[in-house]
Amino acid sequence: MDEHNHSSRLIGGIVILAAVFFGSVGLVWSSGAPLPSKAMAEAPPKPKAAVASEAEVAGLDKRMAALEAKVQAPAPAVDTSQIEAQIKGLESRLAAMHTQLGTFKASDFDALRTKLDNAGTTPKSVKTTIESLQTDVGNLRTRFDQLSQQVASETASESKSSSHKSHSKR
């Protein structure tokens, strides 16, 4: 009898499992929801794009027209007359300094130092002062040449840009 009970229990378990399986499948089908494998295979439906109202479209058209008008409008001209006047003023001041400096060079101090050395009674502080003056004049002449080149290049670039502006206005 033991075998008979064992077979009965096995058949009963299979019947219960079949009932649970078919009951679950029936519930899923009756709810209308897809099976999990089917739900994963299909992507969820995408929401439809919202349709803009006519008022929104008209507002966007006006905004677009305003932006296009701004883009097409010419940029305001920059007034460079004050800068040109300042450059010309610097150029004239530089020319005045060049006139004051004249032909005076750092090498002119060599002759003065030689004369003082020949005199023999020159204090050491005077010789040190002459050497520092010689160095300062050499540095001043170098800096003056650099400034002259910068002013010349700025004047040339200003004249090119002003002639370019006059050609573009025509």
Protein backbone atom coordinates (compact mmCIF):
# COMPACT_ATOMS: atom_id res chain seq x y z
CA MET A 1 0.00 0.00 0.00
CA ASP A 2 2.87 2.19 0.47
CA GLU A 3 3.46 2.41 -3.24
CA HIS A 4 -0.17 3.21 -3.84
CA ASN A 5 -0.07 6.12 -1.36
CA HIS A 6 3.09 7.38 -2.84
CA SER A 7 1.62 7.36 -6.36
CA SER A 8 -1.53 9.07 -5.14
CA ARG A 9 0.40 11.83 -3.49
CA LEU A 10 2.53 12.33 -6.59
CA ILE A 11 -0.50 12.54 -8.86
CA GLY A 12 -2.24 14.88 -6.36
CA GLY A 13 0.81 17.19 -6.31
CA ILE A 14 0.92 17.27 -10.08
CA VAL A 15 -2.79 18.11 -10.22
CA ILE A 16 -2.35 20.92 -7.68
CA LEU A 17 0.62 22.34 -9.57
CA ALA A 18 -1.32 22.17 -12.86
CA ALA A 19 -4.29 23.94 -11.22
CA VAL A 20 -2.07 26.71 -9.87
CA PHE A 21 -0.34 27.11 -13.24
CA PHE A 22 -3.53 27.23 -15.29
CA GLY A 23 -5.18 29.49 -12.71
CA SER A 24 -2.28 31.98 -12.96
CA VAL A 25 -2.38 31.94 -16.74
CA GLY A 26 -6.15 32.46 -16.64
CA LEU A 27 -5.82 35.45 -14.30
CA VAL A 28 -3.17 37.08 -16.48
CA TRP A 29 -5.25 36.60 -19.63
CA SER A 30 -8.42 37.85 -17.98
CA SER A 31 -6.66 41.04 -16.75
CA GLY A 32 -5.55 41.85 -20.32
CA ALA A 33 -1.95 42.45 -19.25
CA PRO A 34 0.70 40.87 -21.48
CA LEU A 35 2.92 38.12 -20.26
CA PRO A 36 6.23 39.36 -18.77
CA SER A 37 8.32 38.08 -21.67
CA LYS A 38 6.03 39.85 -24.12
CA ALA A 39 6.07 43.08 -22.08
CA MET A 40 9.88 43.16 -22.03
CA ALA A 41 10.12 42.58 -25.77
CA GLU A 42 7.84 45.49 -26.61
CA ALA A 43 8.92 49.02 -25.77
CA PRO A 44 6.42 51.11 -23.86
CA PRO A 45 4.43 53.40 -26.12
CA LYS A 46 5.94 56.88 -26.48
CA PRO A 47 3.76 59.83 -25.57
CA LYS A 48 2.58 61.92 -28.48
CA ALA A 49 4.12 65.37 -28.89
CA ALA A 50 2.04 68.23 -27.62
CA VAL A 51 0.56 70.35 -30.37
CA ALA A 52 1.32 74.07 -30.08
CA SER A 53 -1.59 76.44 -30.17
CA GLU A 54 -1.93 79.07 -32.88
CA ALA A 55 -1.18 81.84 -30.36
CA GLU A 56 2.10 80.17 -29.40
CA VAL A 57 3.06 79.76 -33.06
CA ALA A 58 2.28 83.43 -33.76
CA GLY A 59 4.35 84.49 -30.74
CA LEU A 60 7.28 82.37 -31.89
CA ASP A 61 7.00 83.84 -35.41
CA LYS A 62 7.15 87.38 -33.99
CA ARG A 63 10.14 86.48 -31.84
CA MET A 64 11.92 84.91 -34.83
CA ALA A 65 11.27 88.02 -36.95
CA ALA A 66 12.66 90.25 -34.19
CA LEU A 67 15.81 88.12 -33.87
CA GLU A 68 16.34 88.13 -37.65
CA ALA A 69 16.00 91.94 -37.67
CA LYS A 70 18.65 92.22 -34.96
CA VAL A 71 21.01 89.96 -36.88
CA GLN A 72 20.56 91.90 -40.13
CA ALA A 73 20.96 95.34 -38.49
CA PRO A 74 24.52 96.71 -38.89
CA ALA A 75 26.61 97.05 -35.78
CA PRO A 76 27.05 100.63 -34.55
CA ALA A 77 30.26 102.28 -35.71
CA VAL A 78 32.89 102.84 -33.04
CA ASP A 79 34.16 106.39 -32.72
CA THR A 80 37.96 106.20 -32.74
CA SER A 81 38.60 109.92 -33.10
CA GLN A 82 39.53 110.31 -29.40
CA ILE A 83 41.97 107.40 -29.58
CA GLU A 84 43.52 108.77 -32.77
CA ALA A 85 43.89 112.18 -31.10
CA GLN A 86 45.63 110.57 -28.11
CA ILE A 87 48.00 108.66 -30.39
CA LYS A 88 48.86 111.83 -32.30
CA GLY A 89 49.45 113.61 -28.98
CA LEU A 90 51.79 110.83 -27.85
CA GLU A 91 53.56 110.97 -31.19
CA SER A 92 54.17 114.72 -30.83
CA ARG A 93 55.38 114.30 -27.22
CA LEU A 94 57.74 111.56 -28.36
CA ALA A 95 59.07 113.81 -31.10
CA ALA A 96 59.65 116.59 -28.52
CA MET A 97 61.55 114.16 -26.29
CA HIS A 98 63.62 113.06 -29.24
CA THR A 99 64.50 116.70 -29.94
CA GLN A 100 65.48 117.24 -26.30
CA LEU A 101 67.56 114.10 -26.25
CA GLY A 102 69.11 115.18 -29.52
CA THR A 103 72.36 113.56 -30.40
CA PHE A 104 73.30 112.94 -26.80
CA LYS A 105 74.49 109.33 -26.44
CA ALA A 106 75.79 107.11 -23.70
CA SER A 107 79.19 107.04 -25.39
CA ASP A 108 79.53 110.82 -24.77
CA PHE A 109 80.18 109.99 -21.12
CA ASP A 110 83.34 108.12 -22.10
CA ALA A 111 84.97 111.40 -23.16
CA LEU A 112 83.92 113.04 -19.89
CA ARG A 113 85.28 110.13 -17.87
CA THR A 114 88.58 110.29 -19.77
CA LYS A 115 88.93 114.02 -19.04
CA LEU A 116 88.20 113.45 -15.36
CA ASP A 117 90.69 110.56 -15.20
CA ASN A 118 93.36 112.80 -16.76
CA ALA A 119 92.66 115.46 -14.14
CA GLY A 120 93.42 112.86 -11.46
CA THR A 121 91.56 114.58 -8.63
CA THR A 122 88.10 113.20 -9.42
CA PRO A 123 86.27 111.70 -6.43
CA LYS A 124 84.98 108.14 -6.72
CA SER A 125 81.36 109.23 -6.17
CA VAL A 126 81.52 111.41 -9.33
CA LYS A 127 82.81 108.45 -11.36
CA THR A 128 79.97 106.26 -10.01
CA THR A 129 77.43 108.95 -10.87
CA ILE A 130 78.80 109.24 -14.41
CA GLU A 131 78.60 105.47 -14.90
CA SER A 132 74.98 105.36 -13.67
CA LEU A 133 74.10 108.30 -15.93
CA GLN A 134 75.71 106.52 -18.86
CA THR A 135 73.64 103.40 -18.15
CA ASP A 136 70.43 105.44 -17.74
CA VAL A 137 70.97 107.30 -21.01
CA GLY A 138 71.59 104.00 -22.84
CA ASN A 139 68.40 102.54 -21.36
CA LEU A 140 66.48 105.72 -22.16
CA ARG A 141 67.60 105.67 -25.80
CA THR A 142 66.63 101.98 -26.12
CA ARG A 143 63.21 102.60 -24.55
CA PHE A 144 62.71 105.66 -26.74
CA ASP A 145 63.39 103.59 -29.88
CA GLN A 146 60.89 100.95 -28.73
CA LEU A 147 58.21 103.58 -28.08
CA SER A 148 58.84 105.19 -31.46
CA GLN A 149 58.34 101.84 -33.18
CA GLN A 150 55.12 101.15 -31.23
CA VAL A 151 53.67 104.58 -32.06
CA ALA A 152 54.60 104.16 -35.72
CA SER A 153 52.95 100.74 -35.89
CA GLU A 154 49.81 101.99 -34.11
CA THR A 155 49.60 104.99 -36.42
CA ALA A 156 50.00 102.71 -39.43
CA SER A 157 47.32 100.29 -38.18
CA GLU A 158 44.94 103.17 -37.42
CA SER A 159 45.40 104.62 -40.90
CA LYS A 160 44.80 101.17 -42.43
CA SER A 161 41.64 100.58 -40.39
CA SER A 162 40.28 104.07 -41.10
CA SER A 163 40.93 103.64 -44.84
CA HIS A 164 39.31 100.20 -44.68
CA LYS A 165 36.26 101.73 -42.94
CA SER A 166 35.97 104.43 -45.58
CA HIS A 167 36.09 101.81 -48.35
CA SER A 168 33.48 99.64 -46.63
CA LYS A 169 31.09 102.61 -46.24
CA ARG A 170 31.12 103.22 -50.00
